[in-house]
Amino acid sequence: TEVILPEVSFTADIISLDSEYSKPAVDYLMGRGVPFDIAQKYDLRYSPSTRRVIFPVYDQKRLLGWQGRYIGGESYVDEETQKLVTIPKALTSLGFR
């Protein structure tokens, strides 16, 4: 059977790449060989609160979800517990495999 995903909206912390706060994402994409105009063509975005580049998933013009790619270091030591915390590189919206 066909699964039909509902249309969603970007959360308030997901911003356009032309924002002054998106420079880390633009730098990351440029370093990966993705020019700014191509990133804008595909409506890539940035979440400063999670430090993730956002790759939207559209069906025609309907936003169905996105995948966020972490652009920081892969791990850090939690100051309180002194344990190594590994950050997942990619997170995907609910409903996607």
C-alpha atoms as a PDB file:
ATOM      1  CA  THR A   1       0.000   0.000   0.000  1.00  0.00           C
ATOM      2  CA  GLU A   2       1.090   3.539  -0.687  1.00  0.00           C
ATOM      3  CA  VAL A   3       2.032   5.682   2.299  1.00  0.00           C
ATOM      4  CA  ILE A   4       1.090   9.335   1.946  1.00  0.00           C
ATOM      5  CA  LEU A   5       3.085  11.617   4.178  1.00  0.00           C
ATOM      6  CA  PRO A   6       1.508  14.822   5.433  1.00  0.00           C
ATOM      7  CA  GLU A   7       2.914  18.189   4.444  1.00  0.00           C
ATOM      8  CA  VAL A   8       5.044  19.777   7.171  1.00  0.00           C
ATOM      9  CA  SER A   9       6.580  23.192   7.822  1.00  0.00           C
ATOM     10  CA  PHE A  10      10.115  24.124   8.772  1.00  0.00           C
ATOM     11  CA  THR A  11      10.525  24.770  12.469  1.00  0.00           C
ATOM     12  CA  ALA A  12      11.422  28.304  13.582  1.00  0.00           C
ATOM     13  CA  ASP A  13      15.090  27.392  14.085  1.00  0.00           C
ATOM     14  CA  ILE A  14      15.578  26.393  10.423  1.00  0.00           C
ATOM     15  CA  ILE A  15      16.682  29.441   8.467  1.00  0.00           C
ATOM     16  CA  SER A  16      17.549  30.394   4.915  1.00  0.00           C
ATOM     17  CA  LEU A  17      21.168  30.230   3.790  1.00  0.00           C
ATOM     18  CA  ASP A  18      21.133  33.938   2.956  1.00  0.00           C
ATOM     19  CA  SER A  19      20.816  34.771   6.669  1.00  0.00           C
ATOM     20  CA  GLU A  20      23.930  36.173   8.349  1.00  0.00           C
ATOM     21  CA  TYR A  21      23.609  33.321  10.883  1.00  0.00           C
ATOM     22  CA  SER A  22      23.994  30.687   8.157  1.00  0.00           C
ATOM     23  CA  LYS A  23      27.670  31.339   7.421  1.00  0.00           C
ATOM     24  CA  PRO A  24      28.846  28.052   9.045  1.00  0.00           C
ATOM     25  CA  ALA A  25      26.482  26.113   6.757  1.00  0.00           C
ATOM     26  CA  VAL A  26      27.523  28.024   3.649  1.00  0.00           C
ATOM     27  CA  ASP A  27      31.197  27.447   4.502  1.00  0.00           C
ATOM     28  CA  TYR A  28      30.535  23.735   5.076  1.00  0.00           C
ATOM     29  CA  LEU A  29      28.701  23.373   1.756  1.00  0.00           C
ATOM     30  CA  MET A  30      31.371  25.289  -0.167  1.00  0.00           C
ATOM     31  CA  GLY A  31      34.005  23.013   1.387  1.00  0.00           C
ATOM     32  CA  ARG A  32      32.025  20.049   0.078  1.00  0.00           C
ATOM     33  CA  GLY A  33      31.874  21.531  -3.425  1.00  0.00           C
ATOM     34  CA  VAL A  34      28.275  22.761  -3.244  1.00  0.00           C
ATOM     35  CA  PRO A  35      28.105  26.314  -4.642  1.00  0.00           C
ATOM     36  CA  PHE A  36      25.749  28.790  -2.982  1.00  0.00           C
ATOM     37  CA  ASP A  37      23.485  29.057  -6.048  1.00  0.00           C
ATOM     38  CA  ILE A  38      22.997  25.272  -6.175  1.00  0.00           C
ATOM     39  CA  ALA A  39      22.295  25.162  -2.423  1.00  0.00           C
ATOM     40  CA  GLN A  40      19.652  27.850  -2.883  1.00  0.00           C
ATOM     41  CA  LYS A  41      18.174  26.111  -5.933  1.00  0.00           C
ATOM     42  CA  TYR A  42      17.518  23.038  -3.776  1.00  0.00           C
ATOM     43  CA  ASP A  43      16.321  25.164  -0.833  1.00  0.00           C
ATOM     44  CA  LEU A  44      19.021  23.916   1.547  1.00  0.00           C
ATOM     45  CA  ARG A  45      18.792  25.585   4.936  1.00  0.00           C
ATOM     46  CA  TYR A  46      20.537  25.751   8.296  1.00  0.00           C
ATOM     47  CA  SER A  47      19.618  25.142  11.911  1.00  0.00           C
ATOM     48  CA  PRO A  48      22.007  27.155  14.119  1.00  0.00           C
ATOM     49  CA  SER A  49      20.558  25.576  17.284  1.00  0.00           C
ATOM     50  CA  THR A  50      21.525  22.065  16.153  1.00  0.00           C
ATOM     51  CA  ARG A  51      24.443  23.051  13.857  1.00  0.00           C
ATOM     52  CA  ARG A  52      22.914  21.099  10.965  1.00  0.00           C
ATOM     53  CA  VAL A  53      22.581  21.796   7.268  1.00  0.00           C
ATOM     54  CA  ILE A  54      18.997  20.960   6.331  1.00  0.00           C
ATOM     55  CA  PHE A  55      18.240  19.021   3.142  1.00  0.00           C
ATOM     56  CA  PRO A  56      14.494  19.310   2.497  1.00  0.00           C
ATOM     57  CA  VAL A  57      12.419  16.545   0.922  1.00  0.00           C
ATOM     58  CA  TYR A  58       9.692  17.819  -1.377  1.00  0.00           C
ATOM     59  CA  ASP A  59       6.946  16.116  -3.350  1.00  0.00           C
ATOM     60  CA  GLN A  60       6.290  18.710  -6.028  1.00  0.00           C
ATOM     61  CA  LYS A  61       5.959  21.805  -3.818  1.00  0.00           C
ATOM     62  CA  ARG A  62       4.874  19.942  -0.669  1.00  0.00           C
ATOM     63  CA  LEU A  63       7.505  19.822   2.077  1.00  0.00           C
ATOM     64  CA  LEU A  64       7.354  16.308   3.523  1.00  0.00           C
ATOM     65  CA  GLY A  65      10.364  16.468   5.821  1.00  0.00           C
ATOM     66  CA  TRP A  66      14.121  16.867   5.790  1.00  0.00           C
ATOM     67  CA  GLN A  67      17.436  15.396   6.755  1.00  0.00           C
ATOM     68  CA  GLY A  68      19.829  17.400   8.877  1.00  0.00           C
ATOM     69  CA  ARG A  69      23.596  16.945   8.517  1.00  0.00           C
ATOM     70  CA  TYR A  70      25.671  17.882  11.569  1.00  0.00           C
ATOM     71  CA  ILE A  71      28.601  20.142  10.663  1.00  0.00           C
ATOM     72  CA  GLY A  72      30.501  20.169  13.956  1.00  0.00           C
ATOM     73  CA  GLY A  73      32.871  17.664  15.523  1.00  0.00           C
ATOM     74  CA  GLU A  74      31.682  14.079  15.817  1.00  0.00           C
ATOM     75  CA  SER A  75      32.031  13.830  19.582  1.00  0.00           C
ATOM     76  CA  TYR A  76      32.702  15.755  22.775  1.00  0.00           C
ATOM     77  CA  VAL A  77      33.270  15.011  26.457  1.00  0.00           C
ATOM     78  CA  ASP A  78      30.266  15.848  28.621  1.00  0.00           C
ATOM     79  CA  GLU A  79      31.598  18.123  31.392  1.00  0.00           C
ATOM     80  CA  GLU A  80      29.160  16.799  33.988  1.00  0.00           C
ATOM     81  CA  THR A  81      29.531  13.055  33.410  1.00  0.00           C
ATOM     82  CA  GLN A  82      33.018  13.084  31.821  1.00  0.00           C
ATOM     83  CA  LYS A  83      31.684  10.612  29.250  1.00  0.00           C
ATOM     84  CA  LEU A  84      32.341  10.759  25.526  1.00  0.00           C
ATOM     85  CA  VAL A  85      29.175  11.734  23.643  1.00  0.00           C
ATOM     86  CA  THR A  86      28.967  10.868  19.941  1.00  0.00           C
ATOM     87  CA  ILE A  87      26.725  13.071  17.809  1.00  0.00           C
ATOM     88  CA  PRO A  88      24.886  11.410  14.912  1.00  0.00           C
ATOM     89  CA  LYS A  89      25.984  12.947  11.598  1.00  0.00           C
ATOM     90  CA  ALA A  90      22.534  12.702  10.003  1.00  0.00           C
ATOM     91  CA  LEU A  91      19.041  12.951  11.465  1.00  0.00           C
ATOM     92  CA  THR A  92      15.944  12.335   9.380  1.00  0.00           C
ATOM     93  CA  SER A  93      12.359  13.544   9.834  1.00  0.00           C
ATOM     94  CA  LEU A  94       9.796  11.146  11.236  1.00  0.00           C
ATOM     95  CA  GLY A  95       8.149   9.008   8.594  1.00  0.00           C
ATOM     96  CA  PHE A  96      11.276   8.593   6.465  1.00  0.00           C
ATOM     97  CA  ARG A  97      13.591   5.603   6.408  1.00  0.00           C
END
